[in-house]
Amino acid sequence: MYKKPYGDYLVIFCCVGDGRRTIERFGINPWKLIHSNPKFEKIMCILSEKELTIRELSYKLELNEEETLKLIEKLEKGKLVERRKDKFTTTIPILTMEAFMKIEKYLEPIAEQEAEAIEVNYNYIKEKVMNLPFSKDFNWKYLAHIIIDALILDFGVLHEIERLEEETGIRKLYSHWQKIIPFLGFENRFEIPHLGVNSNKFNSFGISILHSTLFTRKVSITEIAKKFENNVELLSLLLKQPLPLNSKEAEKYQYKIKELIKMNWLKVLKGKIQLNLPVIGKNDKKLLTKLVEEISIKIAEKVVNNIDLIIESYKKLNYSKHLEGMGDYLQLTYHILMGYTVKKLIEKEILPKLPKIAPPNYAVWMWEPPWTLEIT
């Protein structure tokens, strides 16, 4: 049932930043286009490995040339594929298993350095976090991957890397659109370490969901986000205070409450319904932001100091010969490094093991407004 981390998709496509801006870059919603036909994923995967003519691509797809050309023209219109003389190629980097095997030896030593930077600060991080208000109802095992994987490696390190890219001139390697909204893909396999965070903002709160190829989810991140959207009123009430079981509000939302209790998002304690998810509040943010910034800069420096290794890895891949800039690829490797670092920390028995199949409440958390950290 769970043969891949992200359902049945062949390739997972991600952006870094506000997903709505991908429409500006591509002139169309790229996910909607790619998922409108299963063959589009396969085409993108094939062309990322090698530029092909229509005849060559038709052979691989087992289609006639006319059918193949119609498919290619749709991807070309969506700026995901481009024509180079008589051949076609992708406009974004996709990390297939074959590609990952070519670059792994360049990324592994960087991930090792990142893991070491976290290891020497691990007990310090744990102590600081467990003294914050939002952690009082949760143990470290539950919070560890939210703090290390999401807040430090994703939110913090990516922010610090961007700052260091500007200082060192690495940002010049990005094309115009890669600076605004990087877009990339990776094959949907457990063997390719990848990690990221999906966040959404509602009127009264924000939510974040950790996702990774290191585990799969019983309920997809799309379904989780939708569940939050469908329960905004109830969750907003509970964010203010618990609801007595005999209250009018509890009666009004009784079916939704039952559903969210089953998902472990809510619990009943001492006759009151309350949230069962971590909520990072106003009183947490200042101290948490300071901690994340303090640790993240040390890790980001490890990455940027090894930029030559990342550039060398890029040269081993076919698309390095024709992509306009390497900003998409840099962001892809940063996210691969996150997953690789977490994998190493688990192997060293520093971080808790990840569940093979994560329940709906796992590594899901809420933010009081103004949401997210205040990293400068």
Protein backbone atom coordinates (compact mmCIF):
# COMPACT_ATOMS: atom_id res chain seq x y z
CA MET A 1 0.00 0.00 0.00
CA TYR A 2 2.80 2.44 0.87
CA LYS A 3 5.43 1.70 -1.77
CA LYS A 4 6.39 5.36 -2.18
CA PRO A 5 6.66 8.35 0.19
CA TYR A 6 4.16 10.53 -1.66
CA GLY A 7 1.45 8.22 -2.96
CA ASP A 8 1.51 7.00 -6.55
CA TYR A 9 3.24 9.96 -8.18
CA LEU A 10 6.35 9.20 -10.24
CA VAL A 11 7.91 12.60 -9.57
CA ILE A 12 7.22 15.16 -6.83
CA PHE A 13 7.35 18.79 -7.98
CA CYS A 14 7.98 21.53 -5.42
CA CYS A 15 8.47 25.26 -5.28
CA VAL A 16 10.34 27.24 -2.65
CA GLY A 17 8.18 30.14 -1.57
CA ASP A 18 4.63 31.23 -2.34
CA GLY A 19 3.22 28.61 -4.73
CA ARG A 20 0.90 31.16 -6.32
CA ARG A 21 3.89 32.80 -7.95
CA THR A 22 4.55 29.71 -10.07
CA ILE A 23 1.72 30.89 -12.30
CA GLU A 24 3.70 34.06 -12.99
CA ARG A 25 6.77 32.01 -13.87
CA PHE A 26 5.11 29.39 -16.06
CA GLY A 27 1.95 31.16 -17.19
CA ILE A 28 -0.06 28.25 -15.82
CA ASN A 29 -0.40 26.21 -12.64
CA PRO A 30 2.47 23.71 -13.21
CA TRP A 31 1.08 21.05 -10.84
CA LYS A 32 -2.33 21.17 -12.51
CA LEU A 33 -0.74 20.77 -15.93
CA ILE A 34 1.64 17.96 -14.96
CA HIS A 35 -1.04 16.00 -13.10
CA SER A 36 -3.60 16.39 -15.90
CA ASN A 37 -2.00 13.45 -17.72
CA PRO A 38 0.10 10.65 -16.14
CA LYS A 39 2.38 10.67 -19.18
CA PHE A 40 3.56 14.21 -18.39
CA GLU A 41 5.46 13.03 -15.29
CA LYS A 42 7.14 10.31 -17.33
CA ILE A 43 8.08 12.76 -20.10
CA MET A 44 9.59 15.20 -17.60
CA CYS A 45 11.55 12.39 -15.98
CA ILE A 46 12.88 11.05 -19.29
CA LEU A 47 13.86 14.44 -20.69
CA SER A 48 15.64 15.44 -17.49
CA GLU A 49 18.05 12.58 -18.12
CA LYS A 50 18.71 13.30 -21.78
CA GLU A 51 17.60 15.60 -24.61
CA LEU A 52 15.55 13.59 -27.12
CA THR A 53 13.94 14.02 -30.52
CA ILE A 54 10.24 13.37 -30.94
CA ARG A 55 11.07 10.02 -32.54
CA GLU A 56 13.31 8.99 -29.63
CA LEU A 57 10.79 10.11 -27.04
CA SER A 58 7.93 8.36 -28.88
CA TYR A 59 9.87 5.12 -28.73
CA LYS A 60 10.37 5.42 -24.96
CA LEU A 61 6.69 6.31 -24.41
CA GLU A 62 5.46 3.61 -26.82
CA LEU A 63 3.35 6.21 -28.65
CA ASN A 64 3.27 7.40 -32.23
CA GLU A 65 5.04 10.65 -33.04
CA GLU A 66 1.82 12.63 -33.51
CA GLU A 67 0.56 11.71 -30.02
CA THR A 68 3.94 12.48 -28.49
CA LEU A 69 4.14 15.88 -30.21
CA LYS A 70 0.71 16.88 -28.84
CA LEU A 71 1.87 16.05 -25.31
CA ILE A 72 5.17 17.87 -25.72
CA GLU A 73 3.47 20.98 -27.09
CA LYS A 74 1.33 21.27 -23.94
CA LEU A 75 4.40 21.06 -21.70
CA GLU A 76 6.22 23.49 -23.97
CA LYS A 77 3.34 25.94 -23.71
CA GLY A 78 3.57 25.63 -19.91
CA LYS A 79 7.31 26.46 -20.09
CA LEU A 80 8.24 23.14 -18.48
CA VAL A 81 9.84 21.79 -21.65
CA GLU A 82 11.80 23.63 -24.30
CA ARG A 83 12.86 22.85 -27.85
CA ARG A 84 16.55 22.94 -28.68
CA LYS A 85 16.93 22.55 -32.44
CA ASP A 86 15.30 19.15 -33.11
CA LYS A 87 15.44 17.94 -29.49
CA PHE A 88 13.43 18.60 -26.33
CA THR A 89 14.53 18.99 -22.73
CA THR A 90 13.14 20.15 -19.36
CA THR A 91 13.46 23.72 -18.11
CA ILE A 92 13.78 22.61 -14.46
CA PRO A 93 16.04 20.11 -12.70
CA ILE A 94 14.58 16.74 -11.74
CA LEU A 95 16.55 14.43 -9.49
CA THR A 96 15.95 10.86 -10.61
CA MET A 97 17.46 7.88 -8.81
CA GLU A 98 20.09 7.65 -11.54
CA ALA A 99 20.96 11.34 -11.07
CA PHE A 100 21.09 11.01 -7.29
CA MET A 101 23.61 8.18 -7.57
CA LYS A 102 25.85 10.51 -9.60
CA ILE A 103 25.80 13.33 -7.04
CA GLU A 104 25.51 11.50 -3.72
CA LYS A 105 29.27 11.40 -3.12
CA TYR A 106 29.39 15.22 -3.37
CA LEU A 107 26.50 15.84 -0.97
CA GLU A 108 27.29 13.17 1.66
CA PRO A 109 30.26 15.00 3.24
CA ILE A 110 28.23 18.23 3.46
CA ALA A 111 25.36 16.41 5.18
CA GLU A 112 27.90 14.91 7.60
CA GLN A 113 29.13 18.39 8.52
CA GLU A 114 25.55 19.62 9.00
CA ALA A 115 24.78 16.63 11.23
CA GLU A 116 27.89 17.31 13.33
CA ALA A 117 26.87 20.98 13.77
CA ILE A 118 23.50 19.84 15.13
CA GLU A 119 24.98 17.04 17.24
CA VAL A 120 27.27 19.36 19.23
CA ASN A 121 24.31 21.67 19.95
CA TYR A 122 21.64 19.00 20.36
CA ASN A 123 21.28 18.98 24.16
CA TYR A 124 21.36 22.78 24.22
CA ILE A 125 18.54 22.93 21.63
CA LYS A 126 16.49 20.35 23.53
CA GLU A 127 16.86 22.16 26.86
CA LYS A 128 15.88 25.53 25.39
CA VAL A 129 12.82 24.12 23.59
CA MET A 130 11.50 22.11 26.53
CA ASN A 131 11.45 25.29 28.65
CA LEU A 132 9.16 27.11 26.18
CA PRO A 133 5.38 27.39 26.87
CA PHE A 134 4.25 25.53 23.73
CA SER A 135 6.17 22.38 24.72
CA LYS A 136 4.49 21.82 28.11
CA ASP A 137 2.03 19.17 26.86
CA PHE A 138 4.51 17.37 24.58
CA ASN A 139 7.67 15.37 25.08
CA TRP A 140 10.91 15.94 23.17
CA LYS A 141 10.46 12.79 21.08
CA TYR A 142 7.25 14.32 19.69
CA LEU A 143 8.80 17.77 19.09
CA ALA A 144 12.32 16.84 17.94
CA HIS A 145 11.61 16.59 14.21
CA ILE A 146 9.48 19.73 14.23
CA ILE A 147 12.34 21.70 15.80
CA ILE A 148 15.38 20.17 14.07
CA ASP A 149 13.99 19.21 10.66
CA ALA A 150 11.46 21.98 10.10
CA LEU A 151 12.30 25.06 12.15
CA ILE A 152 16.09 24.80 12.04
CA LEU A 153 17.00 22.94 8.83
CA ASP A 154 14.13 24.30 6.71
CA PHE A 155 13.03 27.69 8.01
CA GLY A 156 16.28 28.79 9.63
CA VAL A 157 19.03 27.32 7.46
CA LEU A 158 17.35 28.23 4.16
CA HIS A 159 16.96 31.81 5.36
CA GLU A 160 20.60 32.03 6.42
CA ILE A 161 21.79 30.41 3.18
CA GLU A 162 19.94 33.03 1.16
CA ARG A 163 21.62 35.78 3.14
CA LEU A 164 25.05 34.18 2.67
CA GLU A 165 24.35 33.68 -1.05
CA GLU A 166 23.88 37.44 -1.39
CA GLU A 167 27.06 38.17 0.57
CA THR A 168 29.24 35.71 -1.36
CA GLY A 169 27.85 36.29 -4.84
CA ILE A 170 26.30 32.81 -5.16
CA ARG A 171 22.96 34.51 -5.84
CA LYS A 172 24.33 35.53 -9.24
CA LEU A 173 24.03 31.89 -10.29
CA TYR A 174 20.23 32.22 -10.17
CA SER A 175 18.13 33.26 -13.17
CA HIS A 176 15.51 35.98 -12.75
CA TRP A 177 12.65 33.55 -12.05
CA GLN A 178 14.79 31.24 -9.94
CA LYS A 179 15.31 34.14 -7.53
CA ILE A 180 11.55 34.75 -7.32
CA ILE A 181 10.14 31.22 -7.15
CA PRO A 182 12.48 28.21 -7.53
CA PHE A 183 10.77 25.11 -8.97
CA LEU A 184 12.18 21.59 -9.02
CA GLY A 185 11.35 17.90 -9.04
CA PHE A 186 12.63 14.67 -7.54
CA GLU A 187 11.72 11.04 -8.12
CA ASN A 188 9.25 9.74 -5.55
CA ARG A 189 11.48 7.21 -3.83
CA PHE A 190 12.46 6.47 -0.24
CA GLU A 191 16.10 6.15 -1.37
CA ILE A 192 16.34 9.86 -2.28
CA PRO A 193 16.47 11.85 0.99
CA HIS A 194 14.36 14.98 0.73
CA LEU A 195 12.68 17.15 3.32
CA GLY A 196 10.44 20.20 3.28
CA VAL A 197 7.61 22.01 5.04
CA ASN A 198 4.18 22.86 3.66
CA SER A 199 2.58 25.89 5.34
CA ASN A 200 -0.80 27.60 5.06
CA LYS A 201 -2.21 30.72 6.66
CA PHE A 202 -5.81 31.24 7.72
CA ASN A 203 -7.40 34.33 9.27
CA SER A 204 -6.78 33.35 12.88
CA PHE A 205 -3.82 30.95 12.69
CA GLY A 206 -1.18 29.34 10.51
CA ILE A 207 -0.34 25.65 10.08
CA SER A 208 2.79 23.80 9.04
CA ILE A 209 3.27 20.18 7.99
CA LEU A 210 6.60 18.38 7.72
CA HIS A 211 6.94 16.19 4.63
CA SER A 212 9.78 13.97 3.52
CA THR A 213 10.83 10.95 1.50
CA LEU A 214 12.08 9.48 4.79
CA PHE A 215 8.52 8.49 5.72
CA THR A 216 5.04 8.39 4.25
CA ARG A 217 1.79 9.78 5.58
CA LYS A 218 -1.43 7.92 6.26
CA VAL A 219 -3.23 11.15 5.31
CA SER A 220 -1.62 13.26 2.58
CA ILE A 221 -0.42 16.81 3.28
CA THR A 222 -3.06 18.07 0.82
CA GLU A 223 -5.81 16.31 2.79
CA ILE A 224 -4.41 17.60 6.09
CA ALA A 225 -4.39 21.19 4.81
CA LYS A 226 -7.96 20.74 3.56
CA LYS A 227 -9.02 19.39 6.95
CA PHE A 228 -7.68 22.54 8.62
CA GLU A 229 -9.50 24.71 6.10
CA ASN A 230 -12.78 22.89 6.77
CA ASN A 231 -12.42 23.35 10.53
CA VAL A 232 -11.19 26.95 10.79
CA GLU A 233 -14.07 28.14 13.02
CA LEU A 234 -13.73 25.30 15.52
CA LEU A 235 -9.93 25.44 15.66
CA SER A 236 -10.02 29.23 16.06
CA LEU A 237 -12.28 28.85 19.10
CA LEU A 238 -10.02 26.22 20.63
CA LEU A 239 -6.98 28.36 19.99
CA LYS A 240 -8.47 30.91 22.42
CA GLN A 241 -9.52 28.44 25.11
CA PRO A 242 -10.76 24.84 25.65
CA LEU A 243 -14.49 24.15 25.19
CA PRO A 244 -16.51 22.53 27.99
CA LEU A 245 -18.10 19.26 26.83
CA ASN A 246 -21.58 20.56 27.75
CA SER A 247 -21.19 23.92 25.96
CA LYS A 248 -23.34 25.08 23.02
CA GLU A 249 -20.22 25.27 20.85
CA ALA A 250 -19.34 21.65 21.64
CA GLU A 251 -22.85 20.61 20.62
CA LYS A 252 -22.68 22.71 17.45
CA TYR A 253 -19.40 21.13 16.33
CA GLN A 254 -19.94 17.67 17.79
CA TYR A 255 -19.37 15.76 14.53
CA LYS A 256 -16.26 17.71 13.63
CA ILE A 257 -14.95 17.29 17.16
CA LYS A 258 -15.36 13.51 16.96
CA GLU A 259 -13.55 13.46 13.64
CA LEU A 260 -10.63 15.56 14.90
CA ILE A 261 -10.32 13.48 18.08
CA LYS A 262 -9.90 10.40 15.87
CA MET A 263 -7.11 12.25 14.06
CA ASN A 264 -5.50 13.11 17.43
CA TRP A 265 -5.79 16.83 16.70
CA LEU A 266 -8.10 17.27 19.71
CA LYS A 267 -8.37 15.60 23.09
CA VAL A 268 -10.75 15.67 26.05
CA LEU A 269 -9.19 16.49 29.39
CA LYS A 270 -11.05 17.19 32.64
CA GLY A 271 -14.36 17.65 30.86
CA LYS A 272 -12.98 20.05 28.27
CA ILE A 273 -12.14 19.73 24.58
CA GLN A 274 -8.74 21.13 23.75
CA LEU A 275 -6.13 21.18 21.01
CA ASN A 276 -3.74 18.24 20.87
CA LEU A 277 -1.29 19.84 18.44
CA PRO A 278 1.67 22.05 19.33
CA VAL A 279 0.77 25.73 19.05
CA ILE A 280 3.69 28.12 18.72
CA GLY A 281 2.41 31.26 20.40
CA LYS A 282 3.51 34.85 20.76
CA ASN A 283 5.43 34.09 23.94
CA ASP A 284 7.38 31.30 22.21
CA LYS A 285 8.39 33.14 19.05
CA LYS A 286 11.00 35.55 20.32
CA LEU A 287 13.01 32.91 22.18
CA LEU A 288 12.44 30.25 19.52
CA THR A 289 13.50 32.63 16.74
CA LYS A 290 16.68 33.52 18.65
CA LEU A 291 17.51 29.82 19.09
CA VAL A 292 16.82 28.95 15.44
CA GLU A 293 18.95 31.86 14.20
CA GLU A 294 21.81 30.96 16.55
CA ILE A 295 22.00 27.34 15.34
CA SER A 296 21.03 27.88 11.71
CA ILE A 297 23.88 30.23 10.87
CA LYS A 298 26.40 27.56 11.91
CA ILE A 299 24.79 24.99 9.61
CA ALA A 300 24.28 27.40 6.69
CA GLU A 301 27.98 28.26 6.76
CA LYS A 302 28.80 24.56 6.33
CA VAL A 303 26.68 24.47 3.17
CA VAL A 304 27.94 27.70 1.62
CA ASN A 305 31.57 26.86 2.42
CA ASN A 306 31.08 23.71 0.32
CA ILE A 307 29.41 25.41 -2.64
CA ASP A 308 32.21 24.17 -4.94
CA LEU A 309 31.16 20.58 -4.19
CA ILE A 310 27.55 21.38 -5.07
CA ILE A 311 28.61 23.09 -8.31
CA GLU A 312 30.77 20.08 -9.15
CA SER A 313 27.78 17.77 -8.58
CA TYR A 314 25.69 19.93 -10.92
CA LYS A 315 28.21 19.49 -13.73
CA LYS A 316 27.67 15.72 -13.58
CA LEU A 317 24.05 16.08 -14.67
CA ASN A 318 22.78 16.48 -18.20
CA TYR A 319 20.66 19.56 -17.60
CA SER A 320 23.67 21.56 -16.36
CA LYS A 321 24.52 22.09 -20.05
CA HIS A 322 21.33 23.97 -20.89
CA LEU A 323 19.44 25.30 -17.84
CA GLU A 324 19.42 29.09 -17.75
CA GLY A 325 20.70 29.29 -14.15
CA MET A 326 21.41 26.84 -11.36
CA GLY A 327 19.16 28.41 -8.71
CA ASP A 328 16.54 25.66 -9.00
CA TYR A 329 19.25 23.03 -8.62
CA LEU A 330 20.78 24.76 -5.60
CA GLN A 331 17.42 24.78 -3.85
CA LEU A 332 16.93 21.14 -4.78
CA THR A 333 20.28 20.20 -3.24
CA TYR A 334 19.58 22.26 -0.09
CA HIS A 335 16.40 20.23 0.47
CA ILE A 336 18.19 16.96 -0.31
CA LEU A 337 20.84 17.94 2.23
CA MET A 338 18.12 18.52 4.85
CA GLY A 339 16.81 14.99 4.36
CA TYR A 340 20.31 13.54 4.23
CA THR A 341 21.28 15.33 7.48
CA VAL A 342 18.20 14.05 9.31
CA LYS A 343 18.88 10.54 8.02
CA LYS A 344 22.42 10.70 9.42
CA LEU A 345 21.23 12.01 12.80
CA ILE A 346 18.75 9.13 13.03
CA GLU A 347 21.46 6.61 12.09
CA LYS A 348 23.64 8.05 14.87
CA GLU A 349 20.67 7.62 17.26
CA ILE A 350 20.69 11.33 18.03
CA LEU A 351 17.28 12.10 16.53
CA PRO A 352 14.34 9.76 17.24
CA LYS A 353 13.39 7.35 14.48
CA LEU A 354 10.73 8.55 12.05
CA PRO A 355 7.55 6.47 11.73
CA LYS A 356 7.31 4.47 8.52
CA ILE A 357 3.68 5.58 8.22
CA ALA A 358 3.00 8.87 10.00
CA PRO A 359 -0.42 9.37 11.67
CA PRO A 360 -2.43 12.54 10.84
CA ASN A 361 -1.09 14.51 13.83
CA TYR A 362 2.59 13.70 13.28
CA ALA A 363 4.87 16.73 12.74
CA VAL A 364 1.84 18.97 12.26
CA TRP A 365 1.66 22.18 14.25
CA MET A 366 -0.12 25.52 14.50
CA TRP A 367 0.99 29.14 14.84
CA GLU A 368 -0.70 32.00 16.59
CA PRO A 369 -0.79 35.18 14.47
CA PRO A 370 1.38 36.71 13.22
CA TRP A 371 2.39 33.24 12.09
CA THR A 372 5.88 31.71 11.55
CA LEU A 373 9.18 32.81 13.08
CA GLU A 374 10.47 36.37 13.04
CA ILE A 375 13.82 35.62 11.40
CA THR A 376 15.55 38.78 10.15
